[in-house]
Every structure is written in structure tokens, then in C-alpha cells.
Amino acid sequence: MFGGLSNWFDPDGAHSEGTTPDYRFSLANERTFLAWIRTGLALIAGGLACAQFLPPLPIARLREIIAIALLVLGGVVALRAVDHWARAERAMRLGIDLPRSRFPAILAIVVAIGALLLVASVLYRTVK
């Protein structure tokens, strides 16, 4: 039952498998979910800020590319948050290892690459 979209929208279905874990673990899982949602919202806000307030950059359409990339990344983070929450809840109920994820490392690399590209753009603009 877990692992699909139905688990995202059916809180009663999440309690149909396994045994109830210690509530502290479920609340910690929820706090992690909320932290990921805040990250997604921050990326979306950054994308909107780029689209509205960033001056035109030296490379054509770079501002729009950055804005769209941040908006898409924010949406992906939000979807990943709910998926991870459902998988972790299932693992706790079944008493199995929590799911492993490369997503935090991938997100960090993508954000770092984006920052380096912005630094290069700023340096290019100041040198020119």
C-alpha cells in the first residue's frame, strides 16, 4: 500500500500496516517533512524573486533560466518530501531500516553548481 501516490492522500491507509511506532519517531518524521517543505518553499520564493527582481544578466535569458530552475527544484523538493515521509513512516511501522536517499547530496550539489554559475556570471559582468 505504501510507496504509491495513494499513501500521500490517505492518512488512514498509512496505519493499516505493521505496528504503531513510538509517537516521538512519527513526530520526528513529520518535522523532517516540514523542514523539506520549507526548503522547497524557499527555492520557489528564490525563483520568484529572480524572475521579478534580478536585473538582466550578461547571458541572454539567464535570469529566466535561473528562475525556472529554482521553481522546478522547489517543486521536486516538495514532492520528494512527501514521498520520503511516506516511506519512512512505512519503514517505522514495519520495523525495517529507514529508507536511504541520495537526494540531499544531489540537492546540495545542484545548489552549489548553481551558486558557482551565479558567481561566474557576476564576475563576468564586473570584468566586462
C-alpha atoms as a PDB file:
ATOM      1  CA  MET A   1       0.000   0.000   0.000  1.00  0.00           C
ATOM      2  CA  PHE A   2       2.863   2.398   0.753  1.00  0.00           C
ATOM      3  CA  GLY A   3       5.117   3.647  -1.987  1.00  0.00           C
ATOM      4  CA  GLY A   4       2.365   4.985  -4.218  1.00  0.00           C
ATOM      5  CA  LEU A   5       0.526   8.244  -4.565  1.00  0.00           C
ATOM      6  CA  SER A   6      -2.436   6.814  -2.666  1.00  0.00           C
ATOM      7  CA  ASN A   7      -0.385   6.916   0.547  1.00  0.00           C
ATOM      8  CA  TRP A   8       0.184  10.631   0.185  1.00  0.00           C
ATOM      9  CA  PHE A   9      -3.543  11.341   0.376  1.00  0.00           C
ATOM     10  CA  ASP A  10      -4.797   8.534   2.646  1.00  0.00           C
ATOM     11  CA  PRO A  11      -3.642   9.016   6.241  1.00  0.00           C
ATOM     12  CA  ASP A  12      -5.797   6.106   7.428  1.00  0.00           C
ATOM     13  CA  GLY A  13      -4.135   3.791   4.917  1.00  0.00           C
ATOM     14  CA  ALA A  14      -0.746   4.628   6.411  1.00  0.00           C
ATOM     15  CA  HIS A  15      -1.853   2.939   9.620  1.00  0.00           C
ATOM     16  CA  SER A  16      -3.018  -0.306   8.047  1.00  0.00           C
ATOM     17  CA  GLU A  17       0.398  -2.000   8.022  1.00  0.00           C
ATOM     18  CA  GLY A  18       2.653  -3.063  10.845  1.00  0.00           C
ATOM     19  CA  THR A  19       2.516  -1.719  14.370  1.00  0.00           C
ATOM     20  CA  THR A  20       2.305   1.798  15.688  1.00  0.00           C
ATOM     21  CA  PRO A  21       5.801   3.207  16.249  1.00  0.00           C
ATOM     22  CA  ASP A  22       6.775   5.361  19.207  1.00  0.00           C
ATOM     23  CA  TYR A  23       4.985   8.680  18.589  1.00  0.00           C
ATOM     24  CA  ARG A  24       8.283  10.544  19.018  1.00  0.00           C
ATOM     25  CA  PHE A  25       9.624   8.888  15.873  1.00  0.00           C
ATOM     26  CA  SER A  26       6.492   9.719  13.901  1.00  0.00           C
ATOM     27  CA  LEU A  27       6.708  13.340  15.060  1.00  0.00           C
ATOM     28  CA  ALA A  28      10.403  13.482  14.141  1.00  0.00           C
ATOM     29  CA  ASN A  29       9.497  12.151  10.691  1.00  0.00           C
ATOM     30  CA  GLU A  30       6.870  14.879  10.393  1.00  0.00           C
ATOM     31  CA  ARG A  31       9.376  17.574  11.445  1.00  0.00           C
ATOM     32  CA  THR A  32      11.769  16.330   8.771  1.00  0.00           C
ATOM     33  CA  PHE A  33       8.959  16.510   6.234  1.00  0.00           C
ATOM     34  CA  LEU A  34       8.173  20.087   7.275  1.00  0.00           C
ATOM     35  CA  ALA A  35      11.863  21.045   7.002  1.00  0.00           C
ATOM     36  CA  TRP A  36      11.919  19.739   3.429  1.00  0.00           C
ATOM     37  CA  ILE A  37       8.710  21.639   2.650  1.00  0.00           C
ATOM     38  CA  ARG A  38      10.338  24.837   3.975  1.00  0.00           C
ATOM     39  CA  THR A  39      13.326  24.164   1.725  1.00  0.00           C
ATOM     40  CA  GLY A  40      11.013  23.716  -1.268  1.00  0.00           C
ATOM     41  CA  LEU A  41       9.166  26.922  -0.449  1.00  0.00           C
ATOM     42  CA  ALA A  42      12.464  28.809  -0.091  1.00  0.00           C
ATOM     43  CA  LEU A  43      13.573  27.595  -3.521  1.00  0.00           C
ATOM     44  CA  ILE A  44      10.225  28.625  -5.021  1.00  0.00           C
ATOM     45  CA  ALA A  45      10.476  32.049  -3.348  1.00  0.00           C
ATOM     46  CA  GLY A  46      14.012  32.406  -4.701  1.00  0.00           C
ATOM     47  CA  GLY A  47      12.775  31.545  -8.189  1.00  0.00           C
ATOM     48  CA  LEU A  48      10.026  34.149  -7.987  1.00  0.00           C
ATOM     49  CA  ALA A  49      12.491  36.724  -6.627  1.00  0.00           C
ATOM     50  CA  CYS A  50      14.884  36.045  -9.515  1.00  0.00           C
ATOM     51  CA  ALA A  51      12.102  36.419 -12.047  1.00  0.00           C
ATOM     52  CA  GLN A  52      10.833  39.662 -10.542  1.00  0.00           C
ATOM     53  CA  PHE A  53      13.808  41.484  -9.059  1.00  0.00           C
ATOM     54  CA  LEU A  54      17.049  40.222 -10.602  1.00  0.00           C
ATOM     55  CA  PRO A  55      18.367  42.658 -13.208  1.00  0.00           C
ATOM     56  CA  PRO A  56      19.082  41.306 -16.676  1.00  0.00           C
ATOM     57  CA  LEU A  57      22.266  39.236 -16.647  1.00  0.00           C
ATOM     58  CA  PRO A  58      25.010  39.319 -19.297  1.00  0.00           C
ATOM     59  CA  ILE A  59      23.970  35.980 -20.756  1.00  0.00           C
ATOM     60  CA  ALA A  60      20.675  36.121 -22.646  1.00  0.00           C
ATOM     61  CA  ARG A  61      17.753  34.618 -20.721  1.00  0.00           C
ATOM     62  CA  LEU A  62      19.995  33.552 -17.802  1.00  0.00           C
ATOM     63  CA  ARG A  63      17.678  35.257 -15.325  1.00  0.00           C
ATOM     64  CA  GLU A  64      14.697  33.298 -16.643  1.00  0.00           C
ATOM     65  CA  ILE A  65      16.673  30.041 -16.685  1.00  0.00           C
ATOM     66  CA  ILE A  66      17.683  30.540 -13.045  1.00  0.00           C
ATOM     67  CA  ALA A  67      14.127  31.411 -12.026  1.00  0.00           C
ATOM     68  CA  ILE A  68      12.630  28.383 -13.778  1.00  0.00           C
ATOM     69  CA  ALA A  69      15.330  26.073 -12.399  1.00  0.00           C
ATOM     70  CA  LEU A  70      14.638  27.247  -8.842  1.00  0.00           C
ATOM     71  CA  LEU A  71      10.879  26.908  -9.286  1.00  0.00           C
ATOM     72  CA  VAL A  72      11.185  23.384 -10.677  1.00  0.00           C
ATOM     73  CA  LEU A  73      13.693  22.393  -7.996  1.00  0.00           C
ATOM     74  CA  GLY A  74      11.341  23.677  -5.301  1.00  0.00           C
ATOM     75  CA  GLY A  75       8.520  21.568  -6.687  1.00  0.00           C
ATOM     76  CA  VAL A  76      10.740  18.482  -6.866  1.00  0.00           C
ATOM     77  CA  VAL A  77      11.847  19.005  -3.247  1.00  0.00           C
ATOM     78  CA  ALA A  78       8.217  19.232  -2.105  1.00  0.00           C
ATOM     79  CA  LEU A  79       7.280  16.027  -3.920  1.00  0.00           C
ATOM     80  CA  ARG A  80      10.367  14.275  -2.587  1.00  0.00           C
ATOM     81  CA  ALA A  81       9.459  15.389   0.942  1.00  0.00           C
ATOM     82  CA  VAL A  82       6.079  13.679   0.927  1.00  0.00           C
ATOM     83  CA  ASP A  83       7.498  10.546  -0.707  1.00  0.00           C
ATOM     84  CA  HIS A  84      10.251  10.293   1.909  1.00  0.00           C
ATOM     85  CA  TRP A  85       7.749  10.872   4.719  1.00  0.00           C
ATOM     86  CA  ALA A  86       5.527   8.020   3.485  1.00  0.00           C
ATOM     87  CA  ARG A  87       8.453   5.626   3.000  1.00  0.00           C
ATOM     88  CA  ALA A  88       9.922   6.433   6.437  1.00  0.00           C
ATOM     89  CA  GLU A  89       6.532   6.017   8.129  1.00  0.00           C
ATOM     90  CA  ARG A  90       6.100   2.634   6.479  1.00  0.00           C
ATOM     91  CA  ALA A  91       9.588   1.512   7.497  1.00  0.00           C
ATOM     92  CA  MET A  92       8.969   2.503  11.115  1.00  0.00           C
ATOM     93  CA  ARG A  93       5.639   0.659  11.193  1.00  0.00           C
ATOM     94  CA  LEU A  94       7.203  -2.484   9.728  1.00  0.00           C
ATOM     95  CA  GLY A  95      10.325  -2.303  11.906  1.00  0.00           C
ATOM     96  CA  ILE A  96      12.697  -2.239   8.939  1.00  0.00           C
ATOM     97  CA  ASP A  97      15.629   0.047   8.167  1.00  0.00           C
ATOM     98  CA  LEU A  98      14.713   3.595   7.240  1.00  0.00           C
ATOM     99  CA  PRO A  99      14.963   4.310   3.517  1.00  0.00           C
ATOM    100  CA  ARG A 100      18.264   5.665   2.308  1.00  0.00           C
ATOM    101  CA  SER A 101      18.367   8.597  -0.035  1.00  0.00           C
ATOM    102  CA  ARG A 102      20.914  10.324  -2.213  1.00  0.00           C
ATOM    103  CA  PHE A 103      18.547  13.241  -2.682  1.00  0.00           C
ATOM    104  CA  PRO A 104      20.115  15.528  -0.026  1.00  0.00           C
ATOM    105  CA  ALA A 105      23.555  15.101  -1.604  1.00  0.00           C
ATOM    106  CA  ILE A 106      22.172  15.660  -5.113  1.00  0.00           C
ATOM    107  CA  LEU A 107      20.292  18.761  -3.967  1.00  0.00           C
ATOM    108  CA  ALA A 108      23.439  20.144  -2.318  1.00  0.00           C
ATOM    109  CA  ILE A 109      25.470  19.573  -5.488  1.00  0.00           C
ATOM    110  CA  VAL A 110      22.812  21.212  -7.694  1.00  0.00           C
ATOM    111  CA  VAL A 111      22.613  24.248  -5.388  1.00  0.00           C
ATOM    112  CA  ALA A 112      26.422  24.531  -5.241  1.00  0.00           C
ATOM    113  CA  ILE A 113      26.701  24.346  -9.033  1.00  0.00           C
ATOM    114  CA  GLY A 114      24.003  26.994  -9.354  1.00  0.00           C
ATOM    115  CA  ALA A 115      25.885  29.232  -6.917  1.00  0.00           C
ATOM    116  CA  LEU A 116      29.125  28.796  -8.868  1.00  0.00           C
ATOM    117  CA  LEU A 117      27.360  29.707 -12.104  1.00  0.00           C
ATOM    118  CA  LEU A 118      25.976  32.836 -10.474  1.00  0.00           C
ATOM    119  CA  VAL A 119      29.418  33.778  -9.153  1.00  0.00           C
ATOM    120  CA  ALA A 120      30.824  33.344 -12.661  1.00  0.00           C
ATOM    121  CA  SER A 121      28.024  35.500 -14.072  1.00  0.00           C
ATOM    122  CA  VAL A 122      28.668  38.261 -11.526  1.00  0.00           C
ATOM    123  CA  LEU A 123      32.418  38.159 -12.165  1.00  0.00           C
ATOM    124  CA  TYR A 124      31.851  38.247 -15.910  1.00  0.00           C
ATOM    125  CA  ARG A 125      29.594  41.273 -15.504  1.00  0.00           C
ATOM    126  CA  THR A 126      32.074  43.180 -13.300  1.00  0.00           C
ATOM    127  CA  VAL A 127      35.050  42.441 -15.606  1.00  0.00           C
ATOM    128  CA  LYS A 128      33.199  43.455 -18.731  1.00  0.00           C
END
